[in-house]
Amino acid sequence: MASFDIVSKVDPQTMDNAVNVARKEIMNRYDFRDTKGSIEYDKKNSVVNIAMENDMRVQHTEDVLISKMVKQGLDATALDFSKEAYQSGAMMKKDIKVKAGIDKETSKKIMKLIKDSKLKVSAAIMDETIRVTAKKIDDLQSVIALMRGNSEEIGMPLQFVNMKS
């Protein structure tokens, strides 16, 4: 039986590099001159912390971070922008969670997509991964194509690992 795993993870070192490059660009930009803001990546909690003087600078910092992530080969959908910026003294702060692992709702969406495709595969949820097995590798490749085609509906970056035949 051939199989592979569907996972969602972000390499912490690559994410740290993207944050560092974004920090350097922000410190060199004219419109951010004399700013007391900061951007840091907490590897342990997988959170990007942004602190700037006003909401506009927080938004621009997010845009710079996304562009640097794309240049590093990371998918920007891995960031969770659902929390709003909040005032903390003279600074606006925003904590952006970096999604890791496939949550239950997304797992159910993926399972439904696989079942509705009528491919001869079986899928099983294993914690934060989904294992897909089939008799033919061609069916597995069809599942990968299906996932890539519906990436906007899924809403998070997926990787396909541990391909075994």
Protein backbone atom coordinates (compact mmCIF):
# COMPACT_ATOMS: atom_id res chain seq x y z
CA MET A 1 0.00 0.00 0.00
CA ALA A 2 1.29 3.44 -0.95
CA SER A 3 0.83 6.31 1.50
CA PHE A 4 1.77 9.86 2.39
CA ASP A 5 1.06 12.35 5.17
CA ILE A 6 -0.56 15.77 4.87
CA VAL A 7 0.95 18.21 7.39
CA SER A 8 1.08 21.95 7.96
CA LYS A 9 4.28 23.30 9.46
CA VAL A 10 6.57 26.28 9.15
CA ASP A 11 10.33 25.92 9.53
CA PRO A 12 11.18 28.07 12.58
CA GLN A 13 14.63 29.03 11.30
CA THR A 14 13.27 30.21 7.94
CA MET A 15 10.55 32.17 9.75
CA ASP A 16 13.17 33.74 12.00
CA ASN A 17 15.19 34.73 8.92
CA ALA A 18 12.12 36.36 7.34
CA VAL A 19 11.45 38.34 10.53
CA ASN A 20 15.09 39.45 10.74
CA VAL A 21 15.11 40.63 7.11
CA ALA A 22 11.80 42.45 7.69
CA ARG A 23 13.27 44.13 10.80
CA LYS A 24 16.29 45.33 8.81
CA GLU A 25 14.10 46.76 6.05
CA ILE A 26 11.85 48.56 8.54
CA MET A 27 14.82 50.13 10.32
CA ASN A 28 16.20 51.38 6.96
CA ARG A 29 12.97 52.77 5.53
CA TYR A 30 12.50 56.53 5.45
CA ASP A 31 8.89 56.45 6.68
CA PHE A 32 9.98 54.43 9.74
CA ARG A 33 12.88 56.72 10.63
CA ASP A 34 13.18 57.54 14.35
CA THR A 35 10.66 54.86 15.24
CA LYS A 36 10.81 53.05 18.55
CA GLY A 37 9.00 50.01 17.18
CA SER A 38 10.14 46.42 17.07
CA ILE A 39 9.32 43.10 15.45
CA GLU A 40 10.36 39.81 17.07
CA TYR A 41 9.72 36.11 16.51
CA ASP A 42 9.21 33.92 19.56
CA LYS A 43 10.24 30.43 18.37
CA LYS A 44 9.06 28.74 21.54
CA ASN A 45 5.45 29.97 21.29
CA SER A 46 5.49 30.41 17.50
CA VAL A 47 4.32 34.05 17.68
CA VAL A 48 5.47 37.18 15.84
CA ASN A 49 5.28 40.23 18.13
CA ILE A 50 4.95 43.67 16.53
CA ALA A 51 5.14 46.90 18.53
CA MET A 52 4.86 50.28 16.75
CA GLU A 53 3.72 53.83 17.58
CA ASN A 54 0.49 53.73 15.58
CA ASP A 55 -1.85 51.38 13.75
CA MET A 56 -0.65 52.48 10.30
CA ARG A 57 2.92 51.42 11.08
CA VAL A 58 1.67 48.09 12.41
CA GLN A 59 -0.13 47.51 9.07
CA HIS A 60 2.98 48.44 7.07
CA THR A 61 5.09 46.13 9.22
CA GLU A 62 2.67 43.27 8.49
CA ASP A 63 2.96 43.97 4.75
CA VAL A 64 6.77 43.96 4.92
CA LEU A 65 6.71 40.71 6.92
CA ILE A 66 4.45 39.01 4.37
CA SER A 67 6.65 40.09 1.46
CA LYS A 68 9.78 38.81 3.22
CA MET A 69 8.06 35.50 4.03
CA VAL A 70 7.20 35.02 0.36
CA LYS A 71 10.81 35.74 -0.63
CA GLN A 72 11.96 33.12 1.91
CA GLY A 73 9.58 30.56 0.35
CA LEU A 74 7.05 30.56 3.20
CA ASP A 75 3.30 30.70 2.69
CA ALA A 76 1.73 33.84 4.20
CA THR A 77 -1.46 31.91 5.05
CA ALA A 78 0.52 30.37 7.91
CA LEU A 79 0.02 33.63 9.83
CA ASP A 80 -3.14 34.13 11.88
CA PHE A 81 -4.15 37.81 11.67
CA SER A 82 -7.43 37.29 13.55
CA LYS A 83 -6.34 39.21 16.67
CA GLU A 84 -6.55 43.00 16.51
CA ALA A 85 -3.76 45.38 17.51
CA TYR A 86 -4.08 46.68 21.06
CA GLN A 87 -2.80 49.77 22.84
CA SER A 88 -0.06 49.24 25.41
CA GLY A 89 1.18 52.52 26.80
CA ALA A 90 2.43 54.67 23.92
CA MET A 91 2.75 51.66 21.58
CA MET A 92 0.33 49.64 19.48
CA LYS A 93 1.08 45.93 19.83
CA LYS A 94 -0.02 42.97 17.78
CA ASP A 95 0.68 39.29 18.33
CA ILE A 96 0.49 37.19 15.17
CA LYS A 97 0.26 33.44 15.74
CA VAL A 98 2.11 31.20 13.29
CA LYS A 99 -0.14 28.23 12.52
CA ALA A 100 1.43 24.82 12.98
CA GLY A 101 -0.41 21.55 12.60
CA ILE A 102 -3.81 20.92 11.10
CA ASP A 103 -6.68 21.77 13.45
CA LYS A 104 -9.86 19.66 13.72
CA GLU A 105 -12.04 21.87 11.50
CA THR A 106 -9.47 21.95 8.70
CA SER A 107 -8.97 18.18 9.05
CA LYS A 108 -12.70 17.69 8.54
CA LYS A 109 -12.64 19.94 5.43
CA ILE A 110 -9.75 17.94 3.98
CA MET A 111 -11.43 14.61 4.74
CA LYS A 112 -14.66 15.83 3.10
CA LEU A 113 -12.75 16.97 -0.01
CA ILE A 114 -11.07 13.56 -0.27
CA LYS A 115 -14.36 11.66 0.18
CA ASP A 116 -16.21 13.85 -2.33
CA SER A 117 -13.50 13.28 -4.95
CA LYS A 118 -14.56 9.58 -5.26
CA LEU A 119 -10.90 8.50 -5.49
CA LYS A 120 -10.03 5.02 -4.27
CA VAL A 121 -8.06 6.20 -1.26
CA SER A 122 -8.52 6.03 2.49
CA ALA A 123 -7.62 8.89 4.80
CA ALA A 124 -7.16 8.87 8.57
CA ILE A 125 -6.67 11.76 10.99
CA MET A 126 -3.65 11.24 13.25
CA ASP A 127 -3.36 14.19 15.71
CA GLU A 128 -2.20 17.11 13.54
CA THR A 129 -1.50 15.06 10.39
CA ILE A 130 -3.65 13.19 7.90
CA ARG A 131 -2.41 9.90 6.46
CA VAL A 132 -3.70 9.01 2.99
CA THR A 133 -3.26 5.45 1.69
CA ALA A 134 -4.10 3.85 -1.66
CA LYS A 135 -3.15 0.89 -3.83
CA LYS A 136 -1.87 3.09 -6.68
CA ILE A 137 0.51 6.01 -6.47
CA ASP A 138 -1.50 7.72 -9.22
CA ASP A 139 -4.46 8.00 -6.81
CA LEU A 140 -2.20 9.60 -4.21
CA GLN A 141 -0.91 12.09 -6.76
CA SER A 142 -4.52 12.92 -7.62
CA VAL A 143 -5.18 13.67 -3.94
CA ILE A 144 -2.14 15.98 -3.84
CA ALA A 145 -3.40 17.79 -6.96
CA LEU A 146 -6.85 18.07 -5.36
CA MET A 147 -5.38 19.63 -2.19
CA ARG A 148 -3.30 22.11 -4.18
CA GLY A 149 -6.32 23.03 -6.29
CA ASN A 150 -8.44 23.73 -3.20
CA SER A 151 -5.76 25.51 -1.16
CA GLU A 152 -7.83 28.71 -0.81
CA GLU A 153 -10.78 26.75 0.59
CA ILE A 154 -8.53 24.96 3.08
CA GLY A 155 -6.95 28.23 4.21
CA MET A 156 -3.56 27.00 5.41
CA PRO A 157 -0.33 25.87 3.76
CA LEU A 158 -0.05 22.10 3.36
CA GLN A 159 2.99 19.94 2.85
CA PHE A 160 2.98 16.35 1.63
CA VAL A 161 5.61 14.23 3.37
CA ASN A 162 6.58 10.56 3.97
CA MET A 163 5.60 9.35 0.49
CA LYS A 164 5.95 5.54 0.54
CA SER A 165 5.17 3.06 -2.17
